[in-house]
Amino acid sequence: TPKDYKLNIKNINGDTKCNISEIGDSKLYRWTVKNDLGLAQAEDYMPSDSDIAEYIHLSTLDSWNEISIWYSDLVQSRMEFDSTVKEVFDDLFPNGFEQLSQNERSKIIYNYIRNNFTYSYVSFKQSGFVPQKPSKTIKTSLGDCKDLSTLFVTLAKKANLEANLVLVLTSDYGYNSLVLPSTDFNHCIAKVKIDGKDQFLELTDKYLPFKSLPTSLRGATGLEINLNSNDIK
């Protein structure tokens, strides 16, 4: 790295020392492991490698807030409440939403997405992290996790609900795969506040009842993207 560049480093499941030397205007970081026996043969249901093997994590970011601000700016430019989205919203709430509880409003939007859209699994399609506009998701009846979650949040906010996106690294990657600020997420869900309590929603499973979550989200690593301010939660 450049000599004055700050590199964040964290060892997990080990204490291999880093040797740092200077070469001209640069720093060289070197880790050396000799005669390592490796891991035993894999067994069914054993923990992820990231939880039992030594890993050295590197990051050029100083805080998770940097990622939250970046993704918030990126997503909010896509969350357009245009005529297509308005038509859907009016169909969902033909008599308005003020007389409905927060739970009822959330459930109506959730069931609409669950019953009318097909989940398209492409690893964070649409240029990696950029969700498609809600109107495109509606017109194609197709979307990946971030597309469907963005549609939910757009409709939820119009129904006067406090909702945000949550970037997730699912638990099958282990508990220690994302210990320093990084964009290495593989999933996106929605969070909505119902009667003062946070509720996380998985929007990609047609057979998942309202408020239910798959096992892949139990113990998962998540980063809430605050779409109202630059403050991370």
C-alpha atoms as a PDB file:
ATOM      1  CA  THR A   1       0.000   0.000   0.000  1.00  0.00           C
ATOM      2  CA  PRO A   2       1.075   3.654  -0.185  1.00  0.00           C
ATOM      3  CA  LYS A   3       3.117   4.539   2.887  1.00  0.00           C
ATOM      4  CA  ASP A   4       0.497   6.851   4.404  1.00  0.00           C
ATOM      5  CA  TYR A   5      -2.474   4.600   3.540  1.00  0.00           C
ATOM      6  CA  LYS A   6      -4.502   3.212   6.446  1.00  0.00           C
ATOM      7  CA  LEU A   7      -5.243  -0.492   6.137  1.00  0.00           C
ATOM      8  CA  ASN A   8      -7.576  -2.060   8.701  1.00  0.00           C
ATOM      9  CA  ILE A   9      -6.546  -5.586   9.697  1.00  0.00           C
ATOM     10  CA  LYS A  10      -8.187  -8.167  11.953  1.00  0.00           C
ATOM     11  CA  ASN A  11      -7.162 -11.749  12.718  1.00  0.00           C
ATOM     12  CA  ILE A  12      -9.850 -14.329  13.425  1.00  0.00           C
ATOM     13  CA  ASN A  13      -9.187 -17.760  14.971  1.00  0.00           C
ATOM     14  CA  GLY A  14      -5.446 -17.200  15.098  1.00  0.00           C
ATOM     15  CA  ASP A  15      -2.616 -14.842  15.889  1.00  0.00           C
ATOM     16  CA  THR A  16      -0.295 -14.945  12.873  1.00  0.00           C
ATOM     17  CA  LYS A  17       1.792 -11.809  13.102  1.00  0.00           C
ATOM     18  CA  CYS A  18       2.085  -9.325  10.291  1.00  0.00           C
ATOM     19  CA  ASN A  19       5.517  -8.151   9.278  1.00  0.00           C
ATOM     20  CA  ILE A  20       5.426  -4.608   7.894  1.00  0.00           C
ATOM     21  CA  SER A  21       8.313  -3.171   5.952  1.00  0.00           C
ATOM     22  CA  GLU A  22       8.806  -0.077   3.834  1.00  0.00           C
ATOM     23  CA  ILE A  23       9.818  -0.205   0.192  1.00  0.00           C
ATOM     24  CA  GLY A  24      10.314   3.263  -1.228  1.00  0.00           C
ATOM     25  CA  ASP A  25       6.999   5.118  -0.848  1.00  0.00           C
ATOM     26  CA  SER A  26       5.077   1.935  -0.062  1.00  0.00           C
ATOM     27  CA  LYS A  27       4.436  -0.436   2.820  1.00  0.00           C
ATOM     28  CA  LEU A  28       4.652  -4.187   2.395  1.00  0.00           C
ATOM     29  CA  TYR A  29       2.467  -6.366   4.667  1.00  0.00           C
ATOM     30  CA  ARG A  30       3.588  -9.968   4.906  1.00  0.00           C
ATOM     31  CA  TRP A  31       2.078 -12.914   6.803  1.00  0.00           C
ATOM     32  CA  THR A  32       4.023 -16.163   6.914  1.00  0.00           C
ATOM     33  CA  VAL A  33       2.698 -19.573   7.966  1.00  0.00           C
ATOM     34  CA  LYS A  34       4.925 -22.653   7.923  1.00  0.00           C
ATOM     35  CA  ASN A  35       4.185 -26.344   8.438  1.00  0.00           C
ATOM     36  CA  ASP A  36       0.463 -25.757   8.817  1.00  0.00           C
ATOM     37  CA  LEU A  37      -1.491 -28.988   9.189  1.00  0.00           C
ATOM     38  CA  GLY A  38      -4.654 -27.563   7.678  1.00  0.00           C
ATOM     39  CA  LEU A  39      -8.175 -28.516   8.673  1.00  0.00           C
ATOM     40  CA  ALA A  40      -9.445 -32.001   9.317  1.00  0.00           C
ATOM     41  CA  GLN A  41     -11.649 -33.618   6.690  1.00  0.00           C
ATOM     42  CA  ALA A  42     -14.971 -31.836   6.361  1.00  0.00           C
ATOM     43  CA  GLU A  43     -17.943 -33.342   8.156  1.00  0.00           C
ATOM     44  CA  ASP A  44     -21.663 -32.808   7.707  1.00  0.00           C
ATOM     45  CA  TYR A  45     -23.034 -29.867   9.676  1.00  0.00           C
ATOM     46  CA  MET A  46     -19.623 -28.648  10.749  1.00  0.00           C
ATOM     47  CA  PRO A  47     -19.214 -24.859  11.099  1.00  0.00           C
ATOM     48  CA  SER A  48     -18.148 -22.687   8.200  1.00  0.00           C
ATOM     49  CA  ASP A  49     -14.406 -22.458   7.588  1.00  0.00           C
ATOM     50  CA  SER A  50     -14.544 -18.788   8.537  1.00  0.00           C
ATOM     51  CA  ASP A  51     -15.539 -19.786  12.079  1.00  0.00           C
ATOM     52  CA  ILE A  52     -12.869 -22.414  12.700  1.00  0.00           C
ATOM     53  CA  ALA A  53      -9.896 -21.607  10.448  1.00  0.00           C
ATOM     54  CA  GLU A  54      -7.561 -18.668  10.760  1.00  0.00           C
ATOM     55  CA  TYR A  55      -8.569 -15.783   8.536  1.00  0.00           C
ATOM     56  CA  ILE A  56      -6.933 -12.415   8.058  1.00  0.00           C
ATOM     57  CA  HIS A  57      -9.479  -9.753   7.168  1.00  0.00           C
ATOM     58  CA  LEU A  58      -8.459  -6.559   5.390  1.00  0.00           C
ATOM     59  CA  SER A  59     -10.510  -3.449   4.732  1.00  0.00           C
ATOM     60  CA  THR A  60      -9.840  -0.023   3.295  1.00  0.00           C
ATOM     61  CA  LEU A  61     -12.997   1.381   4.925  1.00  0.00           C
ATOM     62  CA  ASP A  62     -13.026   2.896   8.406  1.00  0.00           C
ATOM     63  CA  SER A  63     -16.692   2.359   9.316  1.00  0.00           C
ATOM     64  CA  TRP A  64     -19.881   0.573   8.319  1.00  0.00           C
ATOM     65  CA  ASN A  65     -21.486   3.996   8.119  1.00  0.00           C
ATOM     66  CA  GLU A  66     -19.555   4.693   4.922  1.00  0.00           C
ATOM     67  CA  ILE A  67     -21.304   1.749   3.270  1.00  0.00           C
ATOM     68  CA  SER A  68     -24.681   2.728   4.697  1.00  0.00           C
ATOM     69  CA  ILE A  69     -24.420   6.264   3.320  1.00  0.00           C
ATOM     70  CA  TRP A  70     -23.186   5.047  -0.075  1.00  0.00           C
ATOM     71  CA  TYR A  71     -25.959   2.497  -0.501  1.00  0.00           C
ATOM     72  CA  SER A  72     -28.625   4.846   0.806  1.00  0.00           C
ATOM     73  CA  ASP A  73     -27.685   7.418  -1.843  1.00  0.00           C
ATOM     74  CA  LEU A  74     -27.629   4.744  -4.521  1.00  0.00           C
ATOM     75  CA  VAL A  75     -31.023   3.241  -3.654  1.00  0.00           C
ATOM     76  CA  GLN A  76     -32.955   6.446  -3.054  1.00  0.00           C
ATOM     77  CA  SER A  77     -32.242   7.541  -6.611  1.00  0.00           C
ATOM     78  CA  ARG A  78     -34.112   4.413  -7.784  1.00  0.00           C
ATOM     79  CA  MET A  79     -37.137   4.598  -5.480  1.00  0.00           C
ATOM     80  CA  GLU A  80     -39.460   6.486  -7.798  1.00  0.00           C
ATOM     81  CA  PHE A  81     -43.151   6.653  -6.917  1.00  0.00           C
ATOM     82  CA  ASP A  82     -44.385   7.118 -10.470  1.00  0.00           C
ATOM     83  CA  SER A  83     -47.787   6.465 -12.068  1.00  0.00           C
ATOM     84  CA  THR A  84     -47.211   2.698 -12.273  1.00  0.00           C
ATOM     85  CA  VAL A  85     -46.402   2.436  -8.569  1.00  0.00           C
ATOM     86  CA  LYS A  86     -49.242   4.800  -7.661  1.00  0.00           C
ATOM     87  CA  GLU A  87     -51.749   2.630  -9.531  1.00  0.00           C
ATOM     88  CA  VAL A  88     -50.663  -0.416  -7.533  1.00  0.00           C
ATOM     89  CA  PHE A  89     -50.748   1.521  -4.274  1.00  0.00           C
ATOM     90  CA  ASP A  90     -54.296   2.772  -4.961  1.00  0.00           C
ATOM     91  CA  ASP A  91     -55.409  -0.801  -5.762  1.00  0.00           C
ATOM     92  CA  LEU A  92     -53.924  -2.065  -2.495  1.00  0.00           C
ATOM     93  CA  PHE A  93     -55.551   0.686  -0.434  1.00  0.00           C
ATOM     94  CA  PRO A  94     -58.745   1.675  -2.313  1.00  0.00           C
ATOM     95  CA  ASN A  95     -60.231   3.217   0.840  1.00  0.00           C
ATOM     96  CA  GLY A  96     -57.011   4.755   2.072  1.00  0.00           C
ATOM     97  CA  PHE A  97     -54.697   3.343   4.720  1.00  0.00           C
ATOM     98  CA  GLU A  98     -55.168   5.664   7.692  1.00  0.00           C
ATOM     99  CA  GLN A  99     -57.826   3.450   9.265  1.00  0.00           C
ATOM    100  CA  LEU A 100     -55.615   0.360   9.020  1.00  0.00           C
ATOM    101  CA  SER A 101     -53.099  -0.703  11.640  1.00  0.00           C
ATOM    102  CA  GLN A 102     -49.392  -0.735  10.826  1.00  0.00           C
ATOM    103  CA  ASN A 103     -49.515  -4.531  10.880  1.00  0.00           C
ATOM    104  CA  GLU A 104     -52.395  -4.612   8.374  1.00  0.00           C
ATOM    105  CA  ARG A 105     -50.676  -2.181   6.013  1.00  0.00           C
ATOM    106  CA  SER A 106     -47.439  -4.167   6.114  1.00  0.00           C
ATOM    107  CA  LYS A 107     -49.233  -7.468   5.554  1.00  0.00           C
ATOM    108  CA  ILE A 108     -51.181  -6.148   2.544  1.00  0.00           C
ATOM    109  CA  ILE A 109     -47.977  -4.997   0.835  1.00  0.00           C
ATOM    110  CA  TYR A 110     -46.117  -8.176   1.793  1.00  0.00           C
ATOM    111  CA  ASN A 111     -48.836 -10.464   0.413  1.00  0.00           C
ATOM    112  CA  TYR A 112     -49.056  -8.431  -2.791  1.00  0.00           C
ATOM    113  CA  ILE A 113     -45.360  -8.996  -3.468  1.00  0.00           C
ATOM    114  CA  ARG A 114     -45.408 -12.623  -2.357  1.00  0.00           C
ATOM    115  CA  ASN A 115     -48.385 -13.517  -4.563  1.00  0.00           C
ATOM    116  CA  ASN A 116     -47.588 -11.538  -7.707  1.00  0.00           C
ATOM    117  CA  PHE A 117     -43.847 -11.698  -8.301  1.00  0.00           C
ATOM    118  CA  THR A 118     -41.338 -14.312  -9.321  1.00  0.00           C
ATOM    119  CA  TYR A 119     -37.979 -14.287  -7.623  1.00  0.00           C
ATOM    120  CA  SER A 120     -35.163 -14.240 -10.179  1.00  0.00           C
ATOM    121  CA  TYR A 121     -31.993 -15.570  -8.609  1.00  0.00           C
ATOM    122  CA  VAL A 122     -29.001 -13.916 -10.189  1.00  0.00           C
ATOM    123  CA  SER A 123     -26.189 -13.075  -7.808  1.00  0.00           C
ATOM    124  CA  PHE A 124     -26.960  -9.411  -7.118  1.00  0.00           C
ATOM    125  CA  LYS A 125     -27.965  -8.741 -10.737  1.00  0.00           C
ATOM    126  CA  GLN A 126     -28.469  -5.301 -12.275  1.00  0.00           C
ATOM    127  CA  SER A 127     -24.893  -4.054 -11.948  1.00  0.00           C
ATOM    128  CA  GLY A 128     -24.112  -5.695  -8.645  1.00  0.00           C
ATOM    129  CA  PHE A 129     -25.875  -3.548  -6.059  1.00  0.00           C
ATOM    130  CA  VAL A 130     -28.204  -1.308  -8.061  1.00  0.00           C
ATOM    131  CA  PRO A 131     -31.885  -2.272  -7.662  1.00  0.00           C
ATOM    132  CA  GLN A 132     -34.209  -1.774 -10.594  1.00  0.00           C
ATOM    133  CA  LYS A 133     -36.900   0.866 -10.274  1.00  0.00           C
ATOM    134  CA  PRO A 134     -40.137  -0.313  -8.612  1.00  0.00           C
ATOM    135  CA  SER A 135     -42.108   0.368 -11.800  1.00  0.00           C
ATOM    136  CA  LYS A 136     -39.885  -2.045 -13.761  1.00  0.00           C
ATOM    137  CA  THR A 137     -40.294  -4.715 -11.100  1.00  0.00           C
ATOM    138  CA  ILE A 138     -44.075  -4.261 -11.317  1.00  0.00           C
ATOM    139  CA  LYS A 139     -44.213  -4.357 -15.117  1.00  0.00           C
ATOM    140  CA  THR A 140     -42.059  -7.482 -15.407  1.00  0.00           C
ATOM    141  CA  SER A 141     -43.404  -9.239 -12.276  1.00  0.00           C
ATOM    142  CA  LEU A 142     -39.807 -10.278 -11.774  1.00  0.00           C
ATOM    143  CA  GLY A 143     -37.035  -9.253  -9.420  1.00  0.00           C
ATOM    144  CA  ASP A 144     -34.194 -10.355  -7.207  1.00  0.00           C
ATOM    145  CA  CYS A 145     -33.945  -9.802  -3.462  1.00  0.00           C
ATOM    146  CA  LYS A 146     -33.000  -6.131  -3.604  1.00  0.00           C
ATOM    147  CA  ASP A 147     -35.636  -5.380  -6.280  1.00  0.00           C
ATOM    148  CA  LEU A 148     -38.473  -6.899  -4.251  1.00  0.00           C
ATOM    149  CA  SER A 149     -37.257  -5.362  -0.998  1.00  0.00           C
ATOM    150  CA  THR A 150     -36.980  -1.945  -2.650  1.00  0.00           C
ATOM    151  CA  LEU A 151     -40.535  -2.279  -3.960  1.00  0.00           C
ATOM    152  CA  PHE A 152     -41.764  -3.138  -0.470  1.00  0.00           C
ATOM    153  CA  VAL A 153     -39.983  -0.190   1.136  1.00  0.00           C
ATOM    154  CA  THR A 154     -41.277   2.214  -1.539  1.00  0.00           C
ATOM    155  CA  LEU A 155     -44.893   1.150  -0.980  1.00  0.00           C
ATOM    156  CA  ALA A 156     -44.457   0.982   2.800  1.00  0.00           C
ATOM    157  CA  LYS A 157     -43.126   4.528   3.045  1.00  0.00           C
ATOM    158  CA  LYS A 158     -46.084   5.774   0.991  1.00  0.00           C
ATOM    159  CA  ALA A 159     -48.342   4.028   3.533  1.00  0.00           C
ATOM    160  CA  ASN A 160     -46.629   6.051   6.268  1.00  0.00           C
ATOM    161  CA  LEU A 161     -44.627   3.117   7.586  1.00  0.00           C
ATOM    162  CA  GLU A 162     -41.028   3.358   8.774  1.00  0.00           C
ATOM    163  CA  ALA A 163     -39.163   0.940   6.526  1.00  0.00           C
ATOM    164  CA  ASN A 164     -35.580   0.416   5.379  1.00  0.00           C
ATOM    165  CA  LEU A 165     -33.476  -2.050   3.453  1.00  0.00           C
ATOM    166  CA  VAL A 166     -31.069  -4.424   5.194  1.00  0.00           C
ATOM    167  CA  LEU A 167     -28.038  -5.841   3.386  1.00  0.00           C
ATOM    168  CA  VAL A 168     -27.325  -9.377   4.577  1.00  0.00           C
ATOM    169  CA  LEU A 169     -24.632 -12.011   4.466  1.00  0.00           C
ATOM    170  CA  THR A 170     -26.550 -15.228   5.100  1.00  0.00           C
ATOM    171  CA  SER A 171     -25.582 -17.427   8.028  1.00  0.00           C
ATOM    172  CA  ASP A 172     -24.344 -20.295   5.840  1.00  0.00           C
ATOM    173  CA  TYR A 173     -21.219 -18.180   5.348  1.00  0.00           C
ATOM    174  CA  GLY A 174     -20.549 -18.317   9.090  1.00  0.00           C
ATOM    175  CA  TYR A 175     -20.522 -15.763  11.871  1.00  0.00           C
ATOM    176  CA  ASN A 176     -17.048 -14.373  11.185  1.00  0.00           C
ATOM    177  CA  SER A 177     -17.062 -13.826   7.433  1.00  0.00           C
ATOM    178  CA  LEU A 178     -17.807 -10.115   7.646  1.00  0.00           C
ATOM    179  CA  VAL A 179     -15.961  -8.628  10.607  1.00  0.00           C
ATOM    180  CA  LEU A 180     -14.607  -5.465   8.970  1.00  0.00           C
ATOM    181  CA  PRO A 181     -16.500  -2.893   6.851  1.00  0.00           C
ATOM    182  CA  SER A 182     -17.084  -4.440   3.432  1.00  0.00           C
ATOM    183  CA  THR A 183     -19.640  -4.723   0.632  1.00  0.00           C
ATOM    184  CA  ASP A 184     -19.452  -8.533   0.600  1.00  0.00           C
ATOM    185  CA  PHE A 185     -23.187  -9.079   1.098  1.00  0.00           C
ATOM    186  CA  ASN A 186     -25.194 -11.677  -0.812  1.00  0.00           C
ATOM    187  CA  HIS A 187     -28.797 -10.857   0.101  1.00  0.00           C
ATOM    188  CA  CYS A 188     -31.201  -8.014   0.830  1.00  0.00           C
ATOM    189  CA  ILE A 189     -34.336  -7.957   2.992  1.00  0.00           C
ATOM    190  CA  ALA A 190     -36.681  -5.280   4.320  1.00  0.00           C
ATOM    191  CA  LYS A 191     -37.204  -3.996   7.837  1.00  0.00           C
ATOM    192  CA  VAL A 192     -40.423  -2.319   8.913  1.00  0.00           C
ATOM    193  CA  LYS A 193     -41.384  -0.919  12.286  1.00  0.00           C
ATOM    194  CA  ILE A 194     -44.766  -2.279  13.452  1.00  0.00           C
ATOM    195  CA  ASP A 195     -46.214  -0.846  16.651  1.00  0.00           C
ATOM    196  CA  GLY A 196     -42.783   0.270  17.773  1.00  0.00           C
ATOM    197  CA  LYS A 197     -41.053  -3.069  17.127  1.00  0.00           C
ATOM    198  CA  ASP A 198     -38.658  -3.924  14.305  1.00  0.00           C
ATOM    199  CA  GLN A 199     -39.843  -6.670  11.979  1.00  0.00           C
ATOM    200  CA  PHE A 200     -37.598  -8.183   9.320  1.00  0.00           C
ATOM    201  CA  LEU A 201     -39.241  -9.463   6.141  1.00  0.00           C
ATOM    202  CA  GLU A 202     -38.005 -11.915   3.522  1.00  0.00           C
ATOM    203  CA  LEU A 203     -39.638 -11.023   0.191  1.00  0.00           C
ATOM    204  CA  THR A 204     -38.333 -13.769  -2.096  1.00  0.00           C
ATOM    205  CA  ASP A 205     -40.256 -16.841  -0.884  1.00  0.00           C
ATOM    206  CA  LYS A 206     -43.804 -17.357  -2.171  1.00  0.00           C
ATOM    207  CA  TYR A 207     -44.493 -19.921   0.568  1.00  0.00           C
ATOM    208  CA  LEU A 208     -43.235 -17.962   3.557  1.00  0.00           C
ATOM    209  CA  PRO A 209     -45.998 -16.545   5.784  1.00  0.00           C
ATOM    210  CA  PHE A 210     -45.931 -12.916   6.851  1.00  0.00           C
ATOM    211  CA  LYS A 211     -43.299 -12.236   9.543  1.00  0.00           C
ATOM    212  CA  SER A 212     -41.598 -15.623   9.015  1.00  0.00           C
ATOM    213  CA  LEU A 213     -37.906 -15.902   8.211  1.00  0.00           C
ATOM    214  CA  PRO A 214     -35.833 -18.720   6.654  1.00  0.00           C
ATOM    215  CA  THR A 215     -33.082 -20.433   8.624  1.00  0.00           C
ATOM    216  CA  SER A 216     -30.463 -18.733   6.431  1.00  0.00           C
ATOM    217  CA  LEU A 217     -31.262 -15.464   8.228  1.00  0.00           C
ATOM    218  CA  ARG A 218     -30.863 -16.885  11.720  1.00  0.00           C
ATOM    219  CA  GLY A 219     -27.560 -15.566  13.002  1.00  0.00           C
ATOM    220  CA  ALA A 220     -26.894 -13.778   9.704  1.00  0.00           C
ATOM    221  CA  THR A 221     -24.831 -10.595   9.467  1.00  0.00           C
ATOM    222  CA  GLY A 222     -26.905  -7.555   8.487  1.00  0.00           C
ATOM    223  CA  LEU A 223     -26.401  -3.862   7.832  1.00  0.00           C
ATOM    224  CA  GLU A 224     -29.454  -1.613   7.948  1.00  0.00           C
ATOM    225  CA  ILE A 225     -29.518   1.070   5.280  1.00  0.00           C
ATOM    226  CA  ASN A 226     -31.169   4.135   6.762  1.00  0.00           C
ATOM    227  CA  LEU A 227     -33.010   5.760   3.876  1.00  0.00           C
ATOM    228  CA  ASN A 228     -33.914   8.871   5.856  1.00  0.00           C
ATOM    229  CA  SER A 229     -30.557  10.035   7.156  1.00  0.00           C
ATOM    230  CA  ASN A 230     -26.875   9.196   7.260  1.00  0.00           C
ATOM    231  CA  ASP A 231     -27.091   7.701  10.743  1.00  0.00           C
ATOM    232  CA  ILE A 232     -26.490   3.982  10.904  1.00  0.00           C
ATOM    233  CA  LYS A 233     -28.693   1.782  13.147  1.00  0.00           C
END
